[in-house]
C-alpha atoms as a PDB file:
ATOM      1  CA  MET A   1       6.728-135.835 114.352  1.00  0.00           C
ATOM      2  CA  ILE A   2       9.396-135.137 116.976  1.00  0.00           C
ATOM      3  CA  GLU A   3      11.887-137.422 115.244  1.00  0.00           C
ATOM      4  CA  ALA A   4      11.516-135.281 112.119  1.00  0.00           C
ATOM      5  CA  LEU A   5      11.612-131.969 113.964  1.00  0.00           C
ATOM      6  CA  ILE A   6      14.704-132.539 116.106  1.00  0.00           C
ATOM      7  CA  GLU A   7      16.819-132.519 112.955  1.00  0.00           C
ATOM      8  CA  SER A   8      15.473-129.026 112.271  1.00  0.00           C
ATOM      9  CA  GLU A   9      15.076-127.293 115.629  1.00  0.00           C
ATOM     10  CA  GLN A  10      14.835-127.602 119.390  1.00  0.00           C
ATOM     11  CA  VAL A  11      11.486-129.172 120.309  1.00  0.00           C
ATOM     12  CA  CYS A  12       9.516-128.184 123.419  1.00  0.00           C
ATOM     13  CA  VAL A  13       6.911-130.690 124.613  1.00  0.00           C
ATOM     14  CA  ASN A  14       4.238-129.752 127.121  1.00  0.00           C
ATOM     15  CA  VAL A  15       3.310-132.446 129.644  1.00  0.00           C
ATOM     16  CA  TRP A  16       0.957-132.678 132.615  1.00  0.00           C
ATOM     17  CA  ASN A  17       3.488-133.616 135.289  1.00  0.00           C
ATOM     18  CA  GLY A  18       6.598-135.669 136.031  1.00  0.00           C
ATOM     19  CA  ALA A  19       4.891-138.996 135.358  1.00  0.00           C
ATOM     20  CA  HIS A  20       3.668-137.757 132.011  1.00  0.00           C
ATOM     21  CA  GLU A  21       7.166-136.546 131.175  1.00  0.00           C
ATOM     22  CA  ALA A  22       8.603-139.971 132.059  1.00  0.00           C
ATOM     23  CA  GLU A  23       6.066-141.590 129.743  1.00  0.00           C
ATOM     24  CA  ALA A  24       7.126-139.229 126.958  1.00  0.00           C
ATOM     25  CA  HIS A  25      10.783-140.143 127.535  1.00  0.00           C
ATOM     26  CA  GLN A  26       9.872-143.812 127.098  1.00  0.00           C
ATOM     27  CA  VAL A  27       8.070-143.127 123.831  1.00  0.00           C
ATOM     28  CA  LEU A  28      11.013-141.045 122.557  1.00  0.00           C
ATOM     29  CA  ALA A  29      13.700-143.514 123.654  1.00  0.00           C
ATOM     30  CA  GLY A  30      16.570-143.632 121.182  1.00  0.00           C
ATOM     31  CA  LEU A  31      16.180-140.034 120.002  1.00  0.00           C
ATOM     32  CA  PRO A  32      18.772-137.363 120.893  1.00  0.00           C
ATOM     33  CA  MET A  33      16.959-135.976 123.919  1.00  0.00           C
ATOM     34  CA  GLU A  34      19.275-132.990 124.207  1.00  0.00           C
ATOM     35  CA  ARG A  35      17.159-131.593 121.361  1.00  0.00           C
ATOM     36  CA  VAL A  36      13.945-131.981 123.387  1.00  0.00           C
ATOM     37  CA  SER A  37      12.837-129.962 126.410  1.00  0.00           C
ATOM     38  CA  PHE A  38       9.679-130.164 128.493  1.00  0.00           C
ATOM     39  CA  HIS A  39       7.203-127.777 130.081  1.00  0.00           C
ATOM     40  CA  ARG A  40       5.006-129.110 132.884  1.00  0.00           C
ATOM     41  CA  ILE A  41       1.790-127.150 132.327  1.00  0.00           C
ATOM     42  CA  PRO A  42      -1.474-129.104 132.774  1.00  0.00           C
ATOM     43  CA  THR A  43      -3.933-128.813 129.875  1.00  0.00           C
ATOM     44  CA  ASN A  44      -7.389-130.026 128.905  1.00  0.00           C
ATOM     45  CA  GLU A  45      -6.524-130.641 125.238  1.00  0.00           C
ATOM     46  CA  PRO A  46      -3.351-131.335 123.227  1.00  0.00           C
ATOM     47  CA  TRP A  47      -4.015-128.790 120.460  1.00  0.00           C
ATOM     48  CA  CYS A  48      -1.487-126.130 121.457  1.00  0.00           C
ATOM     49  CA  ARG A  49      -1.874-124.141 118.229  1.00  0.00           C
ATOM     50  CA  ASP A  50      -5.230-122.995 119.503  1.00  0.00           C
ATOM     51  CA  HIS A  51      -4.812-122.579 123.251  1.00  0.00           C
ATOM     52  CA  GLY A  52      -1.070-121.961 123.415  1.00  0.00           C
ATOM     53  CA  PRO A  53       0.970-118.756 123.228  1.00  0.00           C
ATOM     54  CA  ILE A  54       1.307-116.724 120.070  1.00  0.00           C
ATOM     55  CA  PHE A  55       4.811-115.305 119.969  1.00  0.00           C
ATOM     56  CA  LEU A  56       5.884-111.933 118.646  1.00  0.00           C
ATOM     57  CA  THR A  57       9.430-110.802 117.965  1.00  0.00           C
ATOM     58  CA  ARG A  58      10.374-107.313 119.116  1.00  0.00           C
ATOM     59  CA  GLN A  59      13.227-104.883 118.662  1.00  0.00           C
ATOM     60  CA  LEU A  60      13.185-104.335 122.413  1.00  0.00           C
ATOM     61  CA  ASP A  61      14.782-106.337 125.189  1.00  0.00           C
ATOM     62  CA  PRO A  62      13.558-109.025 125.746  1.00  0.00           C
ATOM     63  CA  LYS A  63      13.205-109.804 122.063  1.00  0.00           C
ATOM     64  CA  LEU A  64      10.135-112.043 122.496  1.00  0.00           C
ATOM     65  CA  ALA A  65       6.642-111.313 123.744  1.00  0.00           C
ATOM     66  CA  ILE A  66       3.552-113.501 124.110  1.00  0.00           C
ATOM     67  CA  ILE A  67      -0.031-112.657 123.226  1.00  0.00           C
ATOM     68  CA  ASP A  68      -2.550-114.392 125.486  1.00  0.00           C
ATOM     69  CA  TRP A  69      -5.825-114.377 123.572  1.00  0.00           C
ATOM     70  CA  ASP A  70      -8.930-115.562 125.375  1.00  0.00           C
ATOM     71  CA  TYR A  71      -9.934-119.172 124.693  1.00  0.00           C
ATOM     72  CA  ASN A  72     -13.266-120.998 125.020  1.00  0.00           C
ATOM     73  CA  ALA A  73     -12.622-124.410 123.384  1.00  0.00           C
ATOM     74  CA  TRP A  74     -13.831-123.538 119.885  1.00  0.00           C
ATOM     75  CA  GLY A  75     -17.004-121.778 120.876  1.00  0.00           C
ATOM     76  CA  GLY A  76     -17.661-123.638 124.125  1.00  0.00           C
ATOM     77  CA  LYS A  77     -17.838-127.065 122.472  1.00  0.00           C
ATOM     78  CA  TYR A  78     -15.580-129.019 124.818  1.00  0.00           C
ATOM     79  CA  PRO A  79     -15.680-127.943 128.464  1.00  0.00           C
ATOM     80  CA  PRO A  80     -13.809-127.751 130.717  1.00  0.00           C
ATOM     81  CA  TYR A  81     -11.129-125.532 129.226  1.00  0.00           C
ATOM     82  CA  ASN A  82      -9.929-123.611 132.265  1.00  0.00           C
ATOM     83  CA  LEU A  83      -6.449-125.178 132.151  1.00  0.00           C
ATOM     84  CA  ASP A  84      -5.977-124.465 128.449  1.00  0.00           C
ATOM     85  CA  GLU A  85      -7.129-120.872 128.873  1.00  0.00           C
ATOM     86  CA  VAL A  86      -4.137-119.897 131.039  1.00  0.00           C
ATOM     87  CA  VAL A  87      -1.394-121.759 129.133  1.00  0.00           C
ATOM     88  CA  PRO A  88       0.033-118.699 127.302  1.00  0.00           C
ATOM     89  CA  THR A  89       0.592-116.806 130.542  1.00  0.00           C
ATOM     90  CA  ARG A  90       2.116-119.906 132.163  1.00  0.00           C
ATOM     91  CA  VAL A  91       4.547-120.190 129.245  1.00  0.00           C
ATOM     92  CA  ALA A  92       5.368-116.481 129.515  1.00  0.00           C
ATOM     93  CA  GLU A  93       6.177-116.990 133.202  1.00  0.00           C
ATOM     94  CA  THR A  94       8.413-119.945 132.359  1.00  0.00           C
ATOM     95  CA  LEU A  95      10.293-118.018 129.663  1.00  0.00           C
ATOM     96  CA  ASP A  96      10.267-114.724 131.603  1.00  0.00           C
ATOM     97  CA  VAL A  97       8.903-112.705 128.693  1.00  0.00           C
ATOM     98  CA  PRO A  98       6.185-110.023 128.609  1.00  0.00           C
ATOM     99  CA  VAL A  99       2.588-111.066 127.963  1.00  0.00           C
ATOM    100  CA  PHE A 100      -0.218-108.954 126.503  1.00  0.00           C
ATOM    101  CA  TYR A 101      -3.994-109.482 126.757  1.00  0.00           C
ATOM    102  CA  PRO A 102      -6.236-108.419 123.834  1.00  0.00           C
ATOM    103  CA  ARG A 103      -9.423-109.572 125.629  1.00  0.00           C
ATOM    104  CA  MET A 104     -10.699-111.315 122.520  1.00  0.00           C
ATOM    105  CA  ILE A 105     -11.212-115.015 121.823  1.00  0.00           C
ATOM    106  CA  LEU A 106      -8.861-116.250 119.110  1.00  0.00           C
ATOM    107  CA  GLU A 107      -7.363-119.647 118.337  1.00  0.00           C
ATOM    108  CA  GLY A 108      -3.998-119.827 116.592  1.00  0.00           C
ATOM    109  CA  GLY A 109      -5.399-122.034 113.838  1.00  0.00           C
ATOM    110  CA  ALA A 110      -7.878-119.304 112.902  1.00  0.00           C
ATOM    111  CA  ILE A 111      -5.170-117.046 111.444  1.00  0.00           C
ATOM    112  CA  ASP A 112      -2.204-117.281 109.109  1.00  0.00           C
ATOM    113  CA  VAL A 113       0.279-114.471 108.466  1.00  0.00           C
ATOM    114  CA  ASN A 114       2.848-113.738 105.767  1.00  0.00           C
ATOM    115  CA  GLY A 115       5.327-112.033 108.109  1.00  0.00           C
ATOM    116  CA  ALA A 116       5.036-108.786 106.166  1.00  0.00           C
ATOM    117  CA  GLY A 117       1.788-107.297 107.433  1.00  0.00           C
ATOM    118  CA  ALA A 118      -0.927-109.505 105.891  1.00  0.00           C
ATOM    119  CA  LEU A 119      -3.218-111.904 107.753  1.00  0.00           C
ATOM    120  CA  LEU A 120      -5.614-114.555 106.426  1.00  0.00           C
ATOM    121  CA  THR A 121      -8.677-115.657 108.361  1.00  0.00           C
ATOM    122  CA  SER A 122     -12.246-116.890 107.839  1.00  0.00           C
ATOM    123  CA  GLU A 123     -15.623-115.323 108.516  1.00  0.00           C
ATOM    124  CA  SER A 124     -17.196-118.611 109.606  1.00  0.00           C
ATOM    125  CA  CYS A 125     -14.825-118.822 112.559  1.00  0.00           C
ATOM    126  CA  LEU A 126     -13.736-115.361 113.603  1.00  0.00           C
ATOM    127  CA  LEU A 127     -17.151-113.739 113.126  1.00  0.00           C
ATOM    128  CA  ASN A 128     -19.004-116.663 114.715  1.00  0.00           C
ATOM    129  CA  GLN A 129     -21.346-115.617 117.513  1.00  0.00           C
ATOM    130  CA  ASN A 130     -19.870-118.342 119.729  1.00  0.00           C
ATOM    131  CA  ARG A 131     -16.535-116.483 119.878  1.00  0.00           C
ATOM    132  CA  ASN A 132     -16.888-112.716 120.298  1.00  0.00           C
ATOM    133  CA  PRO A 133     -20.594-111.805 120.070  1.00  0.00           C
ATOM    134  CA  ASN A 134     -19.987-108.334 121.513  1.00  0.00           C
ATOM    135  CA  LEU A 135     -17.334-107.350 118.985  1.00  0.00           C
ATOM    136  CA  SER A 136     -18.002-106.080 115.470  1.00  0.00           C
ATOM    137  CA  ARG A 137     -15.944-107.082 112.457  1.00  0.00           C
ATOM    138  CA  ASP A 138     -14.176-103.717 112.605  1.00  0.00           C
ATOM    139  CA  GLU A 139     -13.371-104.170 116.291  1.00  0.00           C
ATOM    140  CA  ILE A 140     -11.994-107.655 115.670  1.00  0.00           C
ATOM    141  CA  GLU A 141      -9.829-106.346 112.840  1.00  0.00           C
ATOM    142  CA  GLN A 142      -8.525-103.538 115.058  1.00  0.00           C
ATOM    143  CA  ARG A 143      -7.453-105.962 117.771  1.00  0.00           C
ATOM    144  CA  LEU A 144      -5.621-108.072 115.197  1.00  0.00           C
ATOM    145  CA  ARG A 145      -3.795-104.978 113.997  1.00  0.00           C
ATOM    146  CA  ASP A 146      -3.041-103.726 117.492  1.00  0.00           C
ATOM    147  CA  TYR A 147      -1.691-106.972 118.915  1.00  0.00           C
ATOM    148  CA  LEU A 148      -0.175-108.750 115.896  1.00  0.00           C
ATOM    149  CA  GLY A 149       1.243-105.760 114.044  1.00  0.00           C
ATOM    150  CA  VAL A 150      -0.573-106.643 110.822  1.00  0.00           C
ATOM    151  CA  ARG A 151      -1.913-104.014 108.446  1.00  0.00           C
ATOM    152  CA  GLN A 152      -4.070-105.987 106.013  1.00  0.00           C
ATOM    153  CA  ILE A 153      -6.713-108.593 106.885  1.00  0.00           C
ATOM    154  CA  LEU A 154      -7.970-110.965 104.180  1.00  0.00           C
ATOM    155  CA  TRP A 155     -11.273-112.755 104.811  1.00  0.00           C
ATOM    156  CA  LEU A 156     -12.263-116.117 103.368  1.00  0.00           C
ATOM    157  CA  GLY A 157     -15.719-117.636 103.901  1.00  0.00           C
ATOM    158  CA  ASP A 158     -16.596-121.111 105.156  1.00  0.00           C
ATOM    159  CA  GLY A 159     -14.489-124.021 106.336  1.00  0.00           C
ATOM    160  CA  ILE A 160     -14.463-127.685 105.370  1.00  0.00           C
ATOM    161  CA  ALA A 161     -16.911-130.386 106.408  1.00  0.00           C
ATOM    162  CA  GLY A 162     -16.138-132.096 109.700  1.00  0.00           C
ATOM    163  CA  ASP A 163     -14.118-129.170 111.057  1.00  0.00           C
ATOM    164  CA  ASP A 164     -15.337-128.585 114.612  1.00  0.00           C
ATOM    165  CA  THR A 165     -13.448-125.276 114.761  1.00  0.00           C
ATOM    166  CA  ASP A 166     -16.096-123.591 112.562  1.00  0.00           C
ATOM    167  CA  GLY A 167     -13.634-123.079 109.722  1.00  0.00           C
ATOM    168  CA  HIS A 168     -10.029-122.598 110.783  1.00  0.00           C
ATOM    169  CA  ILE A 169      -7.881-121.103 108.058  1.00  0.00           C
ATOM    170  CA  ASP A 170      -5.181-123.742 108.557  1.00  0.00           C
ATOM    171  CA  ASP A 171      -7.383-126.275 106.766  1.00  0.00           C
ATOM    172  CA  LEU A 172      -8.225-123.866 103.920  1.00  0.00           C
ATOM    173  CA  ALA A 173      -5.415-121.594 102.766  1.00  0.00           C
ATOM    174  CA  ARG A 174      -1.876-120.804 103.915  1.00  0.00           C
ATOM    175  CA  PHE A 175       0.842-118.349 103.022  1.00  0.00           C
ATOM    176  CA  VAL A 176       3.883-120.012 101.485  1.00  0.00           C
ATOM    177  CA  SER A 177       5.613-116.678 100.794  1.00  0.00           C
ATOM    178  CA  GLU A 178       4.852-113.003 101.350  1.00  0.00           C
ATOM    179  CA  GLN A 179       2.829-112.811  98.136  1.00  0.00           C
ATOM    180  CA  THR A 180       1.773-116.448  97.594  1.00  0.00           C
ATOM    181  CA  VAL A 181      -1.170-118.326  99.105  1.00  0.00           C
ATOM    182  CA  ILE A 182      -1.777-122.034  98.648  1.00  0.00           C
ATOM    183  CA  ALA A 183      -5.489-122.917  98.763  1.00  0.00           C
ATOM    184  CA  VAL A 184      -7.164-126.310  98.983  1.00  0.00           C
ATOM    185  CA  ILE A 185      -9.720-127.250  96.361  1.00  0.00           C
ATOM    186  CA  GLU A 186     -12.112-130.170  96.026  1.00  0.00           C
ATOM    187  CA  GLU A 187     -12.319-131.601  92.502  1.00  0.00           C
ATOM    188  CA  ASP A 188     -15.441-133.724  93.110  1.00  0.00           C
ATOM    189  CA  ARG A 189     -18.405-131.466  92.355  1.00  0.00           C
ATOM    190  CA  ASP A 190     -20.693-133.742  94.384  1.00  0.00           C
ATOM    191  CA  ASP A 191     -18.630-133.344  97.548  1.00  0.00           C
ATOM    192  CA  GLU A 192     -19.954-130.907 100.166  1.00  0.00           C
ATOM    193  CA  ASN A 193     -16.577-129.166 100.216  1.00  0.00           C
ATOM    194  CA  TYR A 194     -16.640-128.273  96.532  1.00  0.00           C
ATOM    195  CA  GLU A 195     -18.717-125.078  96.676  1.00  0.00           C
ATOM    196  CA  PRO A 196     -17.239-123.448  99.800  1.00  0.00           C
ATOM    197  CA  LEU A 197     -13.687-124.076  98.597  1.00  0.00           C
ATOM    198  CA  GLN A 198     -14.505-122.658  95.162  1.00  0.00           C
ATOM    199  CA  GLU A 199     -15.978-119.598  96.852  1.00  0.00           C
ATOM    200  CA  ASN A 200     -12.784-119.140  98.879  1.00  0.00           C
ATOM    201  CA  LEU A 201     -10.708-119.494  95.715  1.00  0.00           C
ATOM    202  CA  SER A 202     -12.839-116.848  94.012  1.00  0.00           C
ATOM    203  CA  ARG A 203     -12.248-114.469  96.894  1.00  0.00           C
ATOM    204  CA  LEU A 204      -8.503-114.999  96.752  1.00  0.00           C
ATOM    205  CA  ARG A 205      -8.455-114.249  93.033  1.00  0.00           C
ATOM    206  CA  VAL A 206      -9.658-110.692  93.580  1.00  0.00           C
ATOM    207  CA  MET A 207      -7.568-109.985  96.671  1.00  0.00           C
ATOM    208  CA  LYS A 208      -4.355-107.997  96.734  1.00  0.00           C
ATOM    209  CA  ILE A 209      -1.482-107.742  99.146  1.00  0.00           C
ATOM    210  CA  GLY A 210      -0.478-104.124  98.988  1.00  0.00           C
ATOM    211  CA  ASP A 211      -0.964-103.141  95.357  1.00  0.00           C
ATOM    212  CA  CYS A 212      -0.225-106.590  93.902  1.00  0.00           C
ATOM    213  CA  PRO A 213      -2.595-109.507  93.262  1.00  0.00           C
ATOM    214  CA  ILE A 214      -2.027-112.612  95.345  1.00  0.00           C
ATOM    215  CA  ASP A 215      -0.142-115.420  93.636  1.00  0.00           C
ATOM    216  CA  ILE A 216      -2.364-118.475  94.106  1.00  0.00           C
ATOM    217  CA  LEU A 217      -1.379-122.126  94.133  1.00  0.00           C
ATOM    218  CA  THR A 218      -3.915-124.915  94.634  1.00  0.00           C
ATOM    219  CA  LEU A 219      -3.655-128.034  96.723  1.00  0.00           C
ATOM    220  CA  PRO A 220      -5.929-131.066  96.266  1.00  0.00           C
ATOM    221  CA  MET A 221      -8.076-132.510  99.018  1.00  0.00           C
ATOM    222  CA  PRO A 222      -7.767-136.145 100.111  1.00  0.00           C
ATOM    223  CA  ARG A 223     -10.745-138.387  99.568  1.00  0.00           C
ATOM    224  CA  LYS A 224     -13.642-138.144 101.984  1.00  0.00           C
ATOM    225  CA  MET A 225     -12.732-139.787 105.290  1.00  0.00           C
ATOM    226  CA  VAL A 226     -15.470-141.043 107.618  1.00  0.00           C
ATOM    227  CA  ARG A 227     -15.001-142.818 110.943  1.00  0.00           C
ATOM    228  CA  GLN A 228     -17.820-144.010 113.186  1.00  0.00           C
ATOM    229  CA  GLY A 229     -20.202-141.952 111.064  1.00  0.00           C
ATOM    230  CA  LEU A 230     -18.186-138.749 111.515  1.00  0.00           C
ATOM    231  CA  ARG A 231     -16.654-136.881 108.593  1.00  0.00           C
ATOM    232  CA  LEU A 232     -13.043-136.037 109.400  1.00  0.00           C
ATOM    233  CA  PRO A 233     -11.495-132.673 108.415  1.00  0.00           C
ATOM    234  CA  ALA A 234      -8.505-134.101 106.563  1.00  0.00           C
ATOM    235  CA  SER A 235      -6.565-131.411 104.705  1.00  0.00           C
ATOM    236  CA  TYR A 236      -3.038-131.176 103.349  1.00  0.00           C
ATOM    237  CA  ALA A 237      -3.084-127.466 104.261  1.00  0.00           C
ATOM    238  CA  ASN A 238      -2.553-128.398 107.916  1.00  0.00           C
ATOM    239  CA  PHE A 239       1.217-128.572 107.397  1.00  0.00           C
ATOM    240  CA  TYR A 240       3.813-127.225 109.832  1.00  0.00           C
ATOM    241  CA  ILE A 241       6.694-125.090 108.553  1.00  0.00           C
ATOM    242  CA  ALA A 242       9.881-125.973 110.450  1.00  0.00           C
ATOM    243  CA  ASN A 243      13.335-124.458 110.011  1.00  0.00           C
ATOM    244  CA  THR A 244      14.609-127.038 107.516  1.00  0.00           C
ATOM    245  CA  CYS A 245      11.521-129.100 106.674  1.00  0.00           C
ATOM    246  CA  VAL A 246       7.758-128.937 106.224  1.00  0.00           C
ATOM    247  CA  LEU A 247       5.720-131.612 107.999  1.00  0.00           C
ATOM    248  CA  VAL A 248       2.854-132.628 105.724  1.00  0.00           C
ATOM    249  CA  PRO A 249      -0.075-134.777 106.895  1.00  0.00           C
ATOM    250  CA  THR A 250      -0.754-137.731 104.592  1.00  0.00           C
ATOM    251  CA  PHE A 251      -3.705-140.109 104.598  1.00  0.00           C
ATOM    252  CA  ALA A 252      -2.740-143.164 102.488  1.00  0.00           C
ATOM    253  CA  ASP A 253      -4.573-141.345  99.709  1.00  0.00           C
ATOM    254  CA  PRO A 254      -3.920-141.136  95.940  1.00  0.00           C
ATOM    255  CA  ASN A 255      -3.417-137.373  96.322  1.00  0.00           C
ATOM    256  CA  ASP A 256      -0.673-137.715  98.948  1.00  0.00           C
ATOM    257  CA  GLU A 257       2.160-137.637  96.426  1.00  0.00           C
ATOM    258  CA  ALA A 258       0.681-134.734  94.484  1.00  0.00           C
ATOM    259  CA  ALA A 259       0.298-132.704  97.674  1.00  0.00           C
ATOM    260  CA  LEU A 260       3.871-133.461  98.737  1.00  0.00           C
ATOM    261  CA  SER A 261       5.174-132.445  95.322  1.00  0.00           C
ATOM    262  CA  ILE A 262       3.266-129.158  95.353  1.00  0.00           C
ATOM    263  CA  LEU A 263       4.470-128.295  98.840  1.00  0.00           C
ATOM    264  CA  GLN A 264       8.046-129.294  98.035  1.00  0.00           C
ATOM    265  CA  ASN A 265       7.989-126.886  95.088  1.00  0.00           C
ATOM    266  CA  SER A 266       6.505-124.216  97.363  1.00  0.00           C
ATOM    267  CA  PHE A 267       9.340-124.581  99.873  1.00  0.00           C
ATOM    268  CA  PRO A 268      12.452-125.271  97.749  1.00  0.00           C
ATOM    269  CA  ASN A 269      14.790-124.631 100.693  1.00  0.00           C
ATOM    270  CA  ARG A 270      13.012-127.092 102.987  1.00  0.00           C
ATOM    271  CA  ARG A 271      12.307-130.801 102.706  1.00  0.00           C
ATOM    272  CA  ALA A 272       8.624-131.729 102.491  1.00  0.00           C
ATOM    273  CA  LEU A 273       8.126-134.718 104.803  1.00  0.00           C
ATOM    274  CA  GLY A 274       4.899-136.689 104.651  1.00  0.00           C
ATOM    275  CA  ILE A 275       3.782-138.542 107.792  1.00  0.00           C
ATOM    276  CA  ASP A 276       0.686-140.752 107.938  1.00  0.00           C
ATOM    277  CA  CYS A 277      -2.020-138.959 109.942  1.00  0.00           C
ATOM    278  CA  ARG A 278      -4.910-141.399 109.610  1.00  0.00           C
ATOM    279  CA  GLU A 279      -4.964-141.899 113.389  1.00  0.00           C
ATOM    280  CA  LEU A 280      -4.107-138.316 114.337  1.00  0.00           C
ATOM    281  CA  ILE A 281      -6.969-136.875 112.244  1.00  0.00           C
ATOM    282  CA  TRP A 282      -9.381-138.878 114.412  1.00  0.00           C
ATOM    283  CA  GLY A 283      -8.712-136.099 116.930  1.00  0.00           C
ATOM    284  CA  LEU A 284      -9.910-133.656 114.223  1.00  0.00           C
ATOM    285  CA  GLY A 285      -6.521-132.051 113.603  1.00  0.00           C
ATOM    286  CA  THR A 286      -2.992-132.758 112.397  1.00  0.00           C
ATOM    287  CA  PHE A 287       0.463-131.133 112.497  1.00  0.00           C
ATOM    288  CA  HIS A 288      -0.355-127.424 112.389  1.00  0.00           C
ATOM    289  CA  CYS A 289      -2.996-127.874 115.097  1.00  0.00           C
ATOM    290  CA  LEU A 290      -0.583-129.824 117.285  1.00  0.00           C
ATOM    291  CA  THR A 291       2.321-127.357 117.124  1.00  0.00           C
ATOM    292  CA  GLN A 292       3.151-123.703 117.773  1.00  0.00           C
ATOM    293  CA  GLN A 293       6.363-122.125 116.557  1.00  0.00           C
ATOM    294  CA  GLN A 294       8.568-120.175 118.959  1.00  0.00           C
ATOM    295  CA  PRO A 295      10.926-117.698 117.271  1.00  0.00           C
ATOM    296  CA  ALA A 296      14.595-117.841 118.142  1.00  0.00           C
ATOM    297  CA  THR A 297      15.796-115.088 120.455  1.00  0.00           C
END
């Protein structure tokens, strides 16, 4: 992943301490390390999309700010999470940028934005009682507007089988332009993902961004993956959009090439790069979960 990204952008890697950083240097030996920098911030989990900072760009000086949402390890599933919970503020201290506190639990993988005022999310995650039981839907929407600067919030329904996040949007549907959403679909009617993904597609078909209907593209699902009796949440929608490429998880699956082709057409000015994620998905996430973009200043 880093080998692909350093051709596109500076890569920041978070490590536990100096020994961990030395281990990372060994793994990355032979790469141009001037393109890689390290933060030493201890964490409980590697999934920085969810516990890490969400960056905003501003017209003020400094031009970046960080939102530090509350975090409880996907509804309290994997304690302890005390180290993860403070990562955004630690990053803000390192970068010397302002940090704001909405006082609401939100993981980065639960939302996707088009950069022009629209936000996609899912009811199964954001309205789950294990996140913000004291907040109403309207109150959650208001915090999203207040702290992310969005105007329109688009709600999908349920997530995919095996997803321990209760339905993160980054496995379901993603913006590929201001007006275009790419949504995963399951073609096997007997698969447990078929109905919820069809329901999400039906919702998208009646949604608008501003006064215009959403342009919808569809992305296939890989075949059902099971390991040690556990269904894995493999999805091609968990791609990461870099400056010059798009990192696409692949699974040695017949649909890999079709997914890469669709995403390449969706990002004509970037190269769609497929990387085998059969081991990474055993951690129940892939590239979008493992990364968090930091805007240039």
